[in-house]
C-alpha cells in the first residue's frame, strides 16, 4: 500500500497540514520541522501526488532542462547532476535535446517551459533577442554556460581556462599554437577567444576557424593544424580533441612528439585514449547542482551570476615541441 501524507505526518508527530507545508511550501515551516518531515518522508518512501499538488499550489513539481546535444558528454554530465539535485529538492526534470538548432530550442522552451516551475537553458544557441523574449515571458529561467538577457546564470571561467592551457604550452617551449574553435556564435567560444587575445606572451596563435563541437569537427581541424605548421593545437572541447588525435594518427603525426593537443571539459573520454588527453577540467557536476540551486532560490531584481573556476589537467598529449633539425 502506498505511503500517504497522513502516514508521514503521524510518523513525524505533526499535523497533516504541517507535513503538507513542509513538503510543498517549506518557507512556511521552521527549518527543524521541515527537515524532520522531509527525513521521515524519505525513510517511508513517500511520493507526493503531483497532480494534486499542482491543483493546490499551482506548481507542476518539475523543471525543464534544454541542452544542445545529449550525445555530448558535457551536456549529459550536466543533465545527470541537474536531475540528482532537483530530485533531492522534490522536483522531477524533463530533459529536451535541441539538436544544436536554435529554432528548435525556442520551440522546446515555449512548449515545455509553460508547464514547468522553471527552465534551465544549457549553452543556448538562440540569439540574444530570443533569449530576451524568453525572459519576458515571466517564467523562472536560468542560463547555464552562458550569460545574457539579464537572466540569472552560472558559467565557468572560460577565459582563464584558455589562459592556463596556453601558458602550459608556452612553458613547454611552444611558440606557434593553433586554436580550433567551436560553433560560430558560441558564447563560450567567444569568451575563450577573449582569453587568447588578452595574453601577453611571445607566441603566435593561429585561428583555425569555427567547427562543429563533435569528433568530425576535430578531424577537419587537424588537417588545418598540420598545414599551419603549429606545434600545438587547442580545441573547443574534448570531442574535437579526440577527432584531432585520430586524424593526426592516421596521417602519421605523433602526439605529443610532433604536435601537442589540449582539449576542454575533461569529459570521461579524456582518459580512455592513448596517450590520455591534457585538458581543462570543468566542474560539470557542480555546474548542474549550482544551476538548480540558483533557479529554486528566490532573488531580488538583480539576477545572480556565478562563475565557477576551472583547472588544467596535464596528461600525455602535451610535451615540448620537436627541436629544429639543425639543433638535434
Protein backbone atom coordinates (compact mmCIF):
# COMPACT_ATOMS: atom_id res chain seq x y z
CA UNK A 1 0.00 0.00 0.00
CA UNK A 2 1.30 3.44 -0.93
CA UNK A 3 2.52 5.71 1.85
CA UNK A 4 0.20 8.70 2.32
CA UNK A 5 0.81 12.20 3.60
CA UNK A 6 -1.08 11.27 6.78
CA UNK A 7 1.37 8.41 7.34
CA UNK A 8 4.25 10.86 7.11
CA UNK A 9 2.56 13.33 9.46
CA UNK A 10 1.81 10.62 12.01
CA UNK A 11 5.40 9.29 11.97
CA UNK A 12 6.82 12.82 12.27
CA UNK A 13 4.46 13.75 15.08
CA UNK A 14 2.95 16.74 13.24
CA UNK A 15 -0.39 17.59 11.70
CA UNK A 16 -1.17 16.69 8.10
CA UNK A 17 -1.31 20.40 7.28
CA UNK A 18 2.18 20.96 8.67
CA UNK A 19 3.52 17.96 6.75
CA UNK A 20 1.96 19.30 3.57
CA UNK A 21 3.51 22.73 4.05
CA UNK A 22 6.91 21.23 4.85
CA UNK A 23 6.92 19.42 1.52
CA UNK A 24 5.17 21.93 -0.75
CA UNK A 25 5.74 25.35 0.87
CA UNK A 26 8.87 24.91 3.02
CA UNK A 27 9.28 28.64 3.73
CA UNK A 28 6.15 28.47 5.91
CA UNK A 29 7.64 25.89 8.26
CA UNK A 30 10.56 26.15 10.69
CA UNK A 31 13.82 24.62 9.37
CA UNK A 32 13.88 21.98 12.12
CA UNK A 33 10.34 20.78 11.45
CA UNK A 34 10.86 20.95 7.67
CA UNK A 35 13.92 18.71 7.85
CA UNK A 36 12.13 16.30 10.19
CA UNK A 37 9.20 15.88 7.82
CA UNK A 38 11.46 15.50 4.78
CA UNK A 39 13.61 12.91 6.55
CA UNK A 40 10.57 10.89 7.58
CA UNK A 41 9.14 11.13 4.06
CA UNK A 42 12.38 9.76 2.63
CA UNK A 43 12.56 6.95 5.16
CA UNK A 44 8.96 5.90 4.47
CA UNK A 45 9.40 6.19 0.70
CA UNK A 46 6.63 8.78 0.38
CA UNK A 47 5.93 10.02 -3.15
CA UNK A 48 3.64 13.07 -3.46
CA UNK A 49 0.69 13.09 -5.83
CA UNK A 50 1.98 15.64 -8.34
CA UNK A 51 -1.38 16.23 -9.99
CA UNK A 52 -2.98 17.04 -6.65
CA UNK A 53 -0.09 19.27 -5.63
CA UNK A 54 -0.32 21.22 -8.88
CA UNK A 55 -4.03 21.90 -8.25
CA UNK A 56 -3.32 23.12 -4.72
CA UNK A 57 -0.09 25.09 -5.23
CA UNK A 58 -0.26 26.00 -8.91
CA UNK A 59 3.10 24.26 -9.39
CA UNK A 60 3.82 21.22 -11.52
CA UNK A 61 6.69 19.91 -9.43
CA UNK A 62 9.01 19.58 -12.41
CA UNK A 63 11.72 21.60 -14.13
CA UNK A 64 12.64 21.76 -17.81
CA UNK A 65 16.26 21.40 -18.97
CA UNK A 66 17.09 22.15 -22.62
CA UNK A 67 20.52 21.15 -23.95
CA UNK A 68 22.03 21.41 -27.44
CA UNK A 69 23.17 17.78 -27.76
CA UNK A 70 22.74 14.94 -25.26
CA UNK A 71 25.33 12.83 -27.09
CA UNK A 72 27.95 15.37 -26.00
CA UNK A 73 29.35 14.14 -22.65
CA UNK A 74 29.48 17.74 -21.37
CA UNK A 75 25.69 18.09 -21.52
CA UNK A 76 24.89 14.57 -20.37
CA UNK A 77 27.06 15.10 -17.27
CA UNK A 78 25.34 18.41 -16.51
CA UNK A 79 21.92 16.82 -17.04
CA UNK A 80 22.75 13.99 -14.62
CA UNK A 81 23.76 16.49 -11.92
CA UNK A 82 20.67 18.63 -12.55
CA UNK A 83 18.38 15.63 -12.15
CA UNK A 84 20.05 14.49 -8.93
CA UNK A 85 19.90 17.94 -7.34
CA UNK A 86 16.32 18.57 -8.45
CA UNK A 87 15.20 15.18 -7.18
CA UNK A 88 16.68 15.98 -3.76
CA UNK A 89 14.62 19.19 -3.78
CA UNK A 90 11.42 17.33 -4.68
CA UNK A 91 11.35 18.14 -8.39
CA UNK A 92 11.37 15.95 -11.48
CA UNK A 93 13.22 17.11 -14.60
CA UNK A 94 12.13 16.98 -18.22
CA UNK A 95 15.25 16.95 -20.43
CA UNK A 96 14.99 18.07 -24.06
CA UNK A 97 17.63 17.85 -26.80
CA UNK A 98 17.59 20.82 -29.20
CA UNK A 99 19.95 19.14 -31.70
CA UNK A 100 22.12 22.27 -31.96
CA UNK A 101 19.17 24.06 -33.61
CA UNK A 102 18.31 27.48 -32.08
CA UNK A 103 14.81 27.44 -33.62
CA UNK A 104 14.02 24.05 -32.09
CA UNK A 105 15.47 25.33 -28.83
CA UNK A 106 13.00 28.22 -28.73
CA UNK A 107 10.12 25.86 -29.60
CA UNK A 108 11.04 23.48 -26.79
CA UNK A 109 11.15 26.31 -24.27
CA UNK A 110 7.72 27.51 -25.41
CA UNK A 111 6.17 24.01 -25.34
CA UNK A 112 7.71 22.57 -22.19
CA UNK A 113 8.53 25.66 -20.21
CA UNK A 114 4.93 26.79 -19.89
CA UNK A 115 4.17 23.64 -17.88
CA UNK A 116 7.31 23.75 -15.71
CA UNK A 117 8.14 25.52 -12.46
CA UNK A 118 11.38 26.71 -14.04
CA UNK A 119 13.56 26.38 -17.14
CA UNK A 120 17.28 25.67 -17.35
CA UNK A 121 18.84 26.61 -20.68
CA UNK A 122 22.24 24.94 -21.03
CA UNK A 123 24.59 26.61 -23.56
CA UNK A 124 21.64 28.01 -25.52
CA UNK A 125 22.32 28.63 -29.19
CA UNK A 126 19.43 31.07 -29.67
CA UNK A 127 20.08 34.77 -30.30
CA UNK A 128 20.18 37.44 -27.60
CA UNK A 129 16.83 38.74 -28.86
CA UNK A 130 15.24 35.30 -28.49
CA UNK A 131 16.69 34.98 -25.00
CA UNK A 132 15.19 38.35 -24.12
CA UNK A 133 11.80 37.11 -25.36
CA UNK A 134 12.12 34.04 -23.12
CA UNK A 135 12.96 36.28 -20.18
CA UNK A 136 9.92 38.48 -20.90
CA UNK A 137 7.52 35.53 -20.57
CA UNK A 138 7.73 35.73 -16.81
CA UNK A 139 8.66 32.11 -16.13
CA UNK A 140 11.75 31.44 -13.96
CA UNK A 141 14.66 30.89 -16.36
CA UNK A 142 18.34 30.30 -15.65
CA UNK A 143 21.19 30.13 -18.14
CA UNK A 144 23.90 27.50 -17.80
CA UNK A 145 27.22 28.18 -19.53
CA UNK A 146 26.03 31.48 -20.96
CA UNK A 147 25.22 35.00 -19.80
CA UNK A 148 22.70 37.41 -21.29
CA UNK A 149 19.24 38.99 -21.33
CA UNK A 150 19.59 39.98 -17.65
CA UNK A 151 18.82 36.37 -16.71
CA UNK A 152 20.47 34.61 -13.76
CA UNK A 153 23.31 32.37 -14.86
CA UNK A 154 26.07 30.03 -13.84
CA UNK A 155 29.14 29.75 -16.08
CA UNK A 156 32.71 28.53 -15.92
CA UNK A 157 35.78 30.74 -16.28
CA UNK A 158 36.39 30.18 -20.00
CA UNK A 159 38.98 32.94 -20.31
CA UNK A 160 41.11 31.58 -17.51
CA UNK A 161 40.83 28.05 -18.87
CA UNK A 162 42.38 29.09 -22.17
CA UNK A 163 45.00 31.15 -20.36
CA UNK A 164 46.03 28.14 -18.29
CA UNK A 165 46.28 25.93 -21.37
CA UNK A 166 48.32 28.42 -23.39
CA UNK A 167 50.67 29.21 -20.53
CA UNK A 168 51.31 25.48 -20.11
CA UNK A 169 52.18 25.12 -23.78
CA UNK A 170 54.31 28.28 -23.70
CA UNK A 171 56.24 26.95 -20.69
CA UNK A 172 56.95 23.76 -22.66
CA UNK A 173 58.50 25.88 -25.41
CA UNK A 174 55.68 26.11 -27.98
CA UNK A 175 55.61 29.39 -29.90
CA UNK A 176 53.18 28.54 -32.72
CA UNK A 177 49.80 27.39 -31.39
CA UNK A 178 46.59 26.73 -33.32
CA UNK A 179 43.09 27.18 -31.89
CA UNK A 180 40.22 25.10 -33.29
CA UNK A 181 37.08 26.96 -32.21
CA UNK A 182 33.56 25.75 -31.61
CA UNK A 183 30.30 26.72 -33.32
CA UNK A 184 30.02 30.19 -34.80
CA UNK A 185 28.17 32.36 -32.34
CA UNK A 186 29.04 30.19 -29.33
CA UNK A 187 29.14 32.30 -26.16
CA UNK A 188 31.80 30.09 -24.57
CA UNK A 189 33.96 30.18 -27.68
CA UNK A 190 33.83 33.99 -27.72
CA UNK A 191 34.97 34.12 -24.08
CA UNK A 192 37.86 31.77 -24.83
CA UNK A 193 38.95 33.88 -27.77
CA UNK A 194 38.88 36.88 -25.43
CA UNK A 195 41.26 34.98 -23.17
CA UNK A 196 43.60 34.28 -26.08
CA UNK A 197 43.58 37.91 -27.20
CA UNK A 198 44.42 39.13 -23.71
CA UNK A 199 47.56 37.01 -23.39
CA UNK A 200 50.86 38.87 -23.33
CA UNK A 201 53.23 36.08 -24.34
CA UNK A 202 55.85 35.62 -27.00
CA UNK A 203 53.91 33.31 -29.30
CA UNK A 204 51.75 33.16 -32.44
CA UNK A 205 48.15 31.97 -32.12
CA UNK A 206 46.64 30.67 -35.37
CA UNK A 207 42.87 30.75 -35.74
CA UNK A 208 41.60 27.57 -37.43
CA UNK A 209 38.04 28.92 -37.56
CA UNK A 210 34.70 27.60 -36.30
CA UNK A 211 33.92 23.88 -36.21
CA UNK A 212 31.12 21.58 -35.14
CA UNK A 213 31.76 20.61 -31.49
CA UNK A 214 31.94 16.91 -32.33
CA UNK A 215 34.53 14.29 -33.32
CA UNK A 216 34.18 15.07 -37.04
CA UNK A 217 34.81 18.75 -36.38
CA UNK A 218 38.15 17.84 -34.84
CA UNK A 219 39.08 15.66 -37.81
CA UNK A 220 38.68 18.62 -40.17
CA UNK A 221 40.54 20.94 -37.81
CA UNK A 222 43.51 18.55 -37.65
CA UNK A 223 44.30 18.93 -41.34
CA UNK A 224 44.23 22.71 -40.97
CA UNK A 225 46.53 22.47 -37.96
CA UNK A 226 49.07 20.37 -39.84
CA UNK A 227 49.01 22.78 -42.79
CA UNK A 228 49.56 25.74 -40.44
CA UNK A 229 52.82 24.37 -39.08
CA UNK A 230 51.63 24.72 -35.49
CA UNK A 231 53.40 22.61 -32.87
CA UNK A 232 50.35 22.56 -30.57
CA UNK A 233 46.56 22.54 -31.03
CA UNK A 234 43.93 23.81 -28.62
CA UNK A 235 40.40 22.56 -29.24
CA UNK A 236 36.97 23.87 -28.21
CA UNK A 237 36.12 20.64 -26.40
CA UNK A 238 37.33 17.11 -25.77
CA UNK A 239 35.24 15.56 -28.56
CA UNK A 240 37.05 17.73 -31.09
CA UNK A 241 40.37 16.88 -29.45
CA UNK A 242 39.65 13.18 -29.99
CA UNK A 243 38.97 13.88 -33.66
CA UNK A 244 42.28 15.75 -33.90
CA UNK A 245 44.15 12.86 -32.25
CA UNK A 246 42.60 10.31 -34.60
CA UNK A 247 43.36 12.30 -37.74
CA UNK A 248 46.94 13.03 -36.68
CA UNK A 249 47.48 9.33 -36.04
CA UNK A 250 46.10 8.50 -39.49
CA UNK A 251 48.50 10.99 -41.07
CA UNK A 252 51.49 9.63 -39.18
CA UNK A 253 51.87 12.70 -36.97
CA UNK A 254 52.97 11.66 -33.49
CA UNK A 255 51.35 13.07 -30.35
CA UNK A 256 52.98 14.58 -28.36
CA UNK A 257 56.38 14.14 -30.03
CA UNK A 258 55.43 16.12 -33.17
CA UNK A 259 52.30 18.00 -32.07
CA UNK A 260 50.76 18.61 -28.65
CA UNK A 261 46.96 18.61 -28.19
CA UNK A 262 44.85 20.19 -25.44
CA UNK A 263 41.08 19.77 -25.02
CA UNK A 264 38.47 21.45 -22.85
CA UNK A 265 35.89 19.94 -20.40
CA UNK A 266 37.74 16.87 -19.04
CA UNK A 267 34.96 14.56 -20.18
CA UNK A 268 35.32 10.88 -19.13
CA UNK A 269 36.61 10.00 -22.61
CA UNK A 270 39.72 12.12 -21.96
CA UNK A 271 41.33 9.26 -20.07
CA UNK A 272 40.13 6.50 -22.41
CA UNK A 273 42.55 7.35 -25.23
CA UNK A 274 46.28 6.73 -25.55
CA UNK A 275 48.02 8.96 -24.75
CA UNK A 276 45.47 10.36 -22.30
CA UNK A 277 44.31 13.88 -23.07
CA UNK A 278 45.61 17.04 -21.47
CA UNK A 279 42.51 19.17 -20.95
CA UNK A 280 40.90 21.98 -18.98
CA UNK A 281 38.73 20.38 -16.31
CA UNK A 282 35.25 21.88 -15.94
CA UNK A 283 33.34 21.06 -12.71
CA UNK A 284 30.40 19.60 -14.62
CA UNK A 285 28.54 18.13 -11.64
CA UNK A 286 28.94 21.35 -9.66
CA UNK A 287 27.70 23.31 -12.66
CA UNK A 288 24.46 21.32 -12.73
CA UNK A 289 23.94 21.43 -8.98
CA UNK A 290 24.56 25.17 -8.77
CA UNK A 291 22.13 25.78 -11.63
CA UNK A 292 19.29 24.05 -9.78
CA UNK A 293 20.09 25.85 -6.52
CA UNK A 294 20.06 29.25 -8.21
CA UNK A 295 16.84 28.53 -10.09
CA UNK A 296 14.99 27.44 -6.96
CA UNK A 297 16.33 30.23 -4.72
CA UNK A 298 14.30 33.47 -4.73
CA UNK A 299 16.39 36.52 -5.64
CA UNK A 300 15.95 40.26 -5.83
CA UNK A 301 15.70 42.25 -9.04
CA UNK A 302 19.44 41.83 -9.64
CA UNK A 303 19.86 38.44 -11.30
CA UNK A 304 22.66 36.37 -9.70
CA UNK A 305 25.66 35.42 -11.83
CA UNK A 306 28.01 32.70 -10.64
CA UNK A 307 31.40 31.93 -12.22
CA UNK A 308 32.97 28.56 -11.39
CA UNK A 309 36.75 28.03 -11.60
CA UNK A 310 38.41 25.58 -13.99
CA UNK A 311 41.73 23.77 -13.78
CA UNK A 312 44.18 22.45 -16.36
CA UNK A 313 44.87 18.72 -16.06
CA UNK A 314 48.18 17.78 -17.66
CA UNK A 315 48.31 14.29 -19.15
CA UNK A 316 50.06 12.59 -22.03
CA UNK A 317 49.18 14.68 -25.11
CA UNK A 318 51.45 17.64 -24.32
CA UNK A 319 55.25 17.80 -24.38
CA UNK A 320 57.99 20.19 -25.54
CA UNK A 321 57.89 20.88 -29.29
CA UNK A 322 60.24 18.99 -31.61
CA UNK A 323 63.65 20.57 -31.96
CA UNK A 324 64.65 22.02 -35.35
CA UNK A 325 66.81 19.59 -37.38
CA UNK A 326 69.98 21.70 -37.02
CA UNK A 327 69.81 21.51 -33.20
CA UNK A 328 69.39 17.76 -32.98
